[in-house]
């Protein structure tokens, strides 16, 4: 699975407006609603918060990969957001999160859902990639950095 299969160029937010986990998750849900991907952003937010209550999706090294399943999507949908100042996401390493990669999957897509999460985690493990994204000046530049790095993986 390539990142281009699950992340569209216009699904990048280069400067998240909010600085708390709950508010950022609502911002991401609202973005998907505005793009016509989901109809009920409050329900998606509720699902994301329920998942967070099981354990933070802040995986460390300034990265969070919140995820949920939804009957409103037919294929895996990914949204990438950057917080320049960082936000508290209750991460495992207690570091602020700068990179939030939201993954929404259809209810019946367990295997693909896990592959997508693994691909994103592997991609964002790269320190140079994270530094380049922090320095990027636009949504397009962030997307290009992600796609270029992803192309190095088999």
C-alpha atoms as a PDB file:
ATOM      1  CA  UNK A   1       0.000   0.000   0.000  1.00  0.00           C
ATOM      2  CA  UNK A   2       1.383   3.367  -1.063  1.00  0.00           C
ATOM      3  CA  UNK A   3       0.585   6.584   0.784  1.00  0.00           C
ATOM      4  CA  UNK A   4      -0.905   7.997  -2.442  1.00  0.00           C
ATOM      5  CA  UNK A   5      -3.585   5.291  -2.279  1.00  0.00           C
ATOM      6  CA  UNK A   6      -4.919   6.610   1.032  1.00  0.00           C
ATOM      7  CA  UNK A   7      -3.865  10.289   1.190  1.00  0.00           C
ATOM      8  CA  UNK A   8      -4.996  12.856  -1.362  1.00  0.00           C
ATOM      9  CA  UNK A   9      -3.061  16.033  -2.051  1.00  0.00           C
ATOM     10  CA  UNK A  10      -5.914  18.218  -0.832  1.00  0.00           C
ATOM     11  CA  UNK A  11      -6.141  16.353   2.499  1.00  0.00           C
ATOM     12  CA  UNK A  12      -3.248  18.196   4.143  1.00  0.00           C
ATOM     13  CA  UNK A  13      -3.669  20.861   6.818  1.00  0.00           C
ATOM     14  CA  UNK A  14      -0.327  22.624   7.150  1.00  0.00           C
ATOM     15  CA  UNK A  15      -1.293  24.603  10.249  1.00  0.00           C
ATOM     16  CA  UNK A  16      -3.853  23.093  12.573  1.00  0.00           C
ATOM     17  CA  UNK A  17      -5.895  25.818  14.255  1.00  0.00           C
ATOM     18  CA  UNK A  18      -6.415  24.051  17.584  1.00  0.00           C
ATOM     19  CA  UNK A  19      -4.001  23.046  20.313  1.00  0.00           C
ATOM     20  CA  UNK A  20      -5.807  20.357  22.305  1.00  0.00           C
ATOM     21  CA  UNK A  21      -6.436  16.751  21.357  1.00  0.00           C
ATOM     22  CA  UNK A  22     -10.233  16.981  21.504  1.00  0.00           C
ATOM     23  CA  UNK A  23     -10.352  20.217  19.517  1.00  0.00           C
ATOM     24  CA  UNK A  24      -7.914  18.985  16.867  1.00  0.00           C
ATOM     25  CA  UNK A  25      -9.912  15.788  16.418  1.00  0.00           C
ATOM     26  CA  UNK A  26     -13.035  17.912  15.941  1.00  0.00           C
ATOM     27  CA  UNK A  27     -11.163  20.117  13.461  1.00  0.00           C
ATOM     28  CA  UNK A  28     -10.167  17.030  11.455  1.00  0.00           C
ATOM     29  CA  UNK A  29     -13.709  15.616  11.549  1.00  0.00           C
ATOM     30  CA  UNK A  30     -15.102  18.977  10.408  1.00  0.00           C
ATOM     31  CA  UNK A  31     -12.561  19.068   7.552  1.00  0.00           C
ATOM     32  CA  UNK A  32     -13.745  15.654   6.323  1.00  0.00           C
ATOM     33  CA  UNK A  33     -17.336  16.841   6.563  1.00  0.00           C
ATOM     34  CA  UNK A  34     -16.563  19.980   4.543  1.00  0.00           C
ATOM     35  CA  UNK A  35     -14.912  17.786   1.888  1.00  0.00           C
ATOM     36  CA  UNK A  36     -18.071  15.673   1.686  1.00  0.00           C
ATOM     37  CA  UNK A  37     -16.370  12.521   2.985  1.00  0.00           C
ATOM     38  CA  UNK A  38     -18.560  12.204   6.066  1.00  0.00           C
ATOM     39  CA  UNK A  39     -21.935  13.655   6.940  1.00  0.00           C
ATOM     40  CA  UNK A  40     -21.769  13.519  10.729  1.00  0.00           C
ATOM     41  CA  UNK A  41     -18.560  15.054  12.111  1.00  0.00           C
ATOM     42  CA  UNK A  42     -19.854  14.872  15.699  1.00  0.00           C
ATOM     43  CA  UNK A  43     -20.268  11.108  15.412  1.00  0.00           C
ATOM     44  CA  UNK A  44     -16.775  10.728  13.986  1.00  0.00           C
ATOM     45  CA  UNK A  45     -15.375  12.903  16.776  1.00  0.00           C
ATOM     46  CA  UNK A  46     -17.163  10.709  19.313  1.00  0.00           C
ATOM     47  CA  UNK A  47     -15.629   7.568  17.759  1.00  0.00           C
ATOM     48  CA  UNK A  48     -12.171   9.121  17.767  1.00  0.00           C
ATOM     49  CA  UNK A  49     -12.476  10.176  21.398  1.00  0.00           C
ATOM     50  CA  UNK A  50     -13.709   6.705  22.377  1.00  0.00           C
ATOM     51  CA  UNK A  51     -10.599   5.263  20.744  1.00  0.00           C
ATOM     52  CA  UNK A  52      -8.401   7.799  22.573  1.00  0.00           C
ATOM     53  CA  UNK A  53      -9.984   6.782  25.875  1.00  0.00           C
ATOM     54  CA  UNK A  54      -8.709   3.241  25.295  1.00  0.00           C
ATOM     55  CA  UNK A  55      -5.168   4.616  24.986  1.00  0.00           C
ATOM     56  CA  UNK A  56      -3.571   7.563  23.288  1.00  0.00           C
ATOM     57  CA  UNK A  57      -2.776   7.277  19.596  1.00  0.00           C
ATOM     58  CA  UNK A  58       0.111   9.653  20.244  1.00  0.00           C
ATOM     59  CA  UNK A  59       2.774   7.091  19.377  1.00  0.00           C
ATOM     60  CA  UNK A  60       5.754   9.243  20.337  1.00  0.00           C
ATOM     61  CA  UNK A  61       8.374  11.306  18.535  1.00  0.00           C
ATOM     62  CA  UNK A  62       5.830  14.107  17.944  1.00  0.00           C
ATOM     63  CA  UNK A  63       3.454  11.806  15.999  1.00  0.00           C
ATOM     64  CA  UNK A  64      -0.181  10.858  16.570  1.00  0.00           C
ATOM     65  CA  UNK A  65      -2.185   8.514  14.364  1.00  0.00           C
ATOM     66  CA  UNK A  66      -5.788   8.778  15.543  1.00  0.00           C
ATOM     67  CA  UNK A  67      -8.058   6.297  13.817  1.00  0.00           C
ATOM     68  CA  UNK A  68     -11.592   5.014  13.726  1.00  0.00           C
ATOM     69  CA  UNK A  69     -13.928   3.002  11.594  1.00  0.00           C
ATOM     70  CA  UNK A  70     -16.980   4.526  10.001  1.00  0.00           C
ATOM     71  CA  UNK A  71     -19.857   3.277   7.911  1.00  0.00           C
ATOM     72  CA  UNK A  72     -19.727   6.624   6.096  1.00  0.00           C
ATOM     73  CA  UNK A  73     -16.546   5.791   4.152  1.00  0.00           C
ATOM     74  CA  UNK A  74     -16.130   3.169   1.443  1.00  0.00           C
ATOM     75  CA  UNK A  75     -12.349   3.179   1.405  1.00  0.00           C
ATOM     76  CA  UNK A  76      -9.562   4.180   3.751  1.00  0.00           C
ATOM     77  CA  UNK A  77      -9.351   7.944   4.057  1.00  0.00           C
ATOM     78  CA  UNK A  78      -6.351   9.709   5.529  1.00  0.00           C
ATOM     79  CA  UNK A  79      -5.934  13.322   6.572  1.00  0.00           C
ATOM     80  CA  UNK A  80      -2.569  14.785   7.578  1.00  0.00           C
ATOM     81  CA  UNK A  81      -2.323  17.775   9.888  1.00  0.00           C
ATOM     82  CA  UNK A  82       0.693  19.682  11.176  1.00  0.00           C
ATOM     83  CA  UNK A  83       0.817  21.665  14.389  1.00  0.00           C
ATOM     84  CA  UNK A  84       3.798  23.970  14.206  1.00  0.00           C
ATOM     85  CA  UNK A  85       3.693  24.831  17.900  1.00  0.00           C
ATOM     86  CA  UNK A  86       2.831  21.289  18.978  1.00  0.00           C
ATOM     87  CA  UNK A  87      -0.076  20.062  21.046  1.00  0.00           C
ATOM     88  CA  UNK A  88      -0.663  17.858  24.050  1.00  0.00           C
ATOM     89  CA  UNK A  89      -1.923  14.495  22.816  1.00  0.00           C
ATOM     90  CA  UNK A  90      -1.144  12.409  25.920  1.00  0.00           C
ATOM     91  CA  UNK A  91       1.635  10.799  23.890  1.00  0.00           C
ATOM     92  CA  UNK A  92       3.487   7.794  25.223  1.00  0.00           C
ATOM     93  CA  UNK A  93       6.721   9.801  25.422  1.00  0.00           C
ATOM     94  CA  UNK A  94       4.973  12.946  26.742  1.00  0.00           C
ATOM     95  CA  UNK A  95       6.385  15.015  23.850  1.00  0.00           C
ATOM     96  CA  UNK A  96       4.128  17.510  22.057  1.00  0.00           C
ATOM     97  CA  UNK A  97       2.579  16.290  18.812  1.00  0.00           C
ATOM     98  CA  UNK A  98       3.403  18.151  15.609  1.00  0.00           C
ATOM     99  CA  UNK A  99       2.095  15.552  13.146  1.00  0.00           C
ATOM    100  CA  UNK A 100      -1.434  14.163  13.259  1.00  0.00           C
ATOM    101  CA  UNK A 101      -2.326  11.586  10.649  1.00  0.00           C
ATOM    102  CA  UNK A 102      -6.004  10.668  10.891  1.00  0.00           C
ATOM    103  CA  UNK A 103      -7.080   7.350   9.385  1.00  0.00           C
ATOM    104  CA  UNK A 104     -10.748   6.536   8.826  1.00  0.00           C
ATOM    105  CA  UNK A 105     -11.564   3.079   7.536  1.00  0.00           C
ATOM    106  CA  UNK A 106     -14.727   1.297   6.488  1.00  0.00           C
ATOM    107  CA  UNK A 107     -16.213  -0.883   9.219  1.00  0.00           C
ATOM    108  CA  UNK A 108     -15.263  -4.118   7.416  1.00  0.00           C
ATOM    109  CA  UNK A 109     -11.623  -3.337   6.533  1.00  0.00           C
ATOM    110  CA  UNK A 110      -9.510  -4.742   9.356  1.00  0.00           C
ATOM    111  CA  UNK A 111      -6.557  -5.900   7.250  1.00  0.00           C
ATOM    112  CA  UNK A 112      -6.252  -2.748   5.143  1.00  0.00           C
ATOM    113  CA  UNK A 113      -6.805  -0.563   8.187  1.00  0.00           C
ATOM    114  CA  UNK A 114      -3.840  -2.172   9.954  1.00  0.00           C
ATOM    115  CA  UNK A 115      -1.657  -1.928   6.836  1.00  0.00           C
ATOM    116  CA  UNK A 116      -2.435   1.774   6.541  1.00  0.00           C
ATOM    117  CA  UNK A 117      -1.557   2.416  10.189  1.00  0.00           C
ATOM    118  CA  UNK A 118       1.692   0.465   9.840  1.00  0.00           C
ATOM    119  CA  UNK A 119       2.654   2.305   6.634  1.00  0.00           C
ATOM    120  CA  UNK A 120       2.074   5.707   8.216  1.00  0.00           C
ATOM    121  CA  UNK A 121       3.936   4.784  11.410  1.00  0.00           C
ATOM    122  CA  UNK A 122       6.897   3.526   9.372  1.00  0.00           C
ATOM    123  CA  UNK A 123       6.927   6.649   7.222  1.00  0.00           C
ATOM    124  CA  UNK A 124       6.771   9.066  10.153  1.00  0.00           C
ATOM    125  CA  UNK A 125       9.501   7.219  12.055  1.00  0.00           C
ATOM    126  CA  UNK A 126      12.065   9.059   9.902  1.00  0.00           C
ATOM    127  CA  UNK A 127      13.550  12.028  11.806  1.00  0.00           C
ATOM    128  CA  UNK A 128      14.671  13.850   8.639  1.00  0.00           C
ATOM    129  CA  UNK A 129      11.165  13.514   7.187  1.00  0.00           C
ATOM    130  CA  UNK A 130       9.597  15.024  10.303  1.00  0.00           C
ATOM    131  CA  UNK A 131      12.102  17.893  10.297  1.00  0.00           C
ATOM    132  CA  UNK A 132      11.439  18.558   6.596  1.00  0.00           C
ATOM    133  CA  UNK A 133       7.683  18.611   7.195  1.00  0.00           C
ATOM    134  CA  UNK A 134       8.093  21.060  10.078  1.00  0.00           C
ATOM    135  CA  UNK A 135      10.029  23.385   7.741  1.00  0.00           C
ATOM    136  CA  UNK A 136       7.633  23.006   4.787  1.00  0.00           C
ATOM    137  CA  UNK A 137       5.932  26.181   3.606  1.00  0.00           C
ATOM    138  CA  UNK A 138       2.720  24.750   2.111  1.00  0.00           C
ATOM    139  CA  UNK A 139       0.267  21.867   1.953  1.00  0.00           C
ATOM    140  CA  UNK A 140       1.693  20.888  -1.434  1.00  0.00           C
ATOM    141  CA  UNK A 141       5.236  20.794  -0.085  1.00  0.00           C
ATOM    142  CA  UNK A 142       4.174  18.579   2.838  1.00  0.00           C
ATOM    143  CA  UNK A 143       2.401  16.224   0.449  1.00  0.00           C
ATOM    144  CA  UNK A 144       5.459  16.042  -1.819  1.00  0.00           C
ATOM    145  CA  UNK A 145       7.745  15.269   1.123  1.00  0.00           C
ATOM    146  CA  UNK A 146       5.453  12.441   2.263  1.00  0.00           C
ATOM    147  CA  UNK A 147       5.102  10.963  -1.235  1.00  0.00           C
ATOM    148  CA  UNK A 148       8.839  11.210  -1.956  1.00  0.00           C
ATOM    149  CA  UNK A 149       9.764   9.428   1.263  1.00  0.00           C
ATOM    150  CA  UNK A 150       7.064   6.812   0.767  1.00  0.00           C
ATOM    151  CA  UNK A 151       8.403   6.023  -2.716  1.00  0.00           C
ATOM    152  CA  UNK A 152      11.610   4.738  -1.094  1.00  0.00           C
ATOM    153  CA  UNK A 153       9.701   1.850   0.506  1.00  0.00           C
ATOM    154  CA  UNK A 154       8.872  -1.317  -1.351  1.00  0.00           C
END
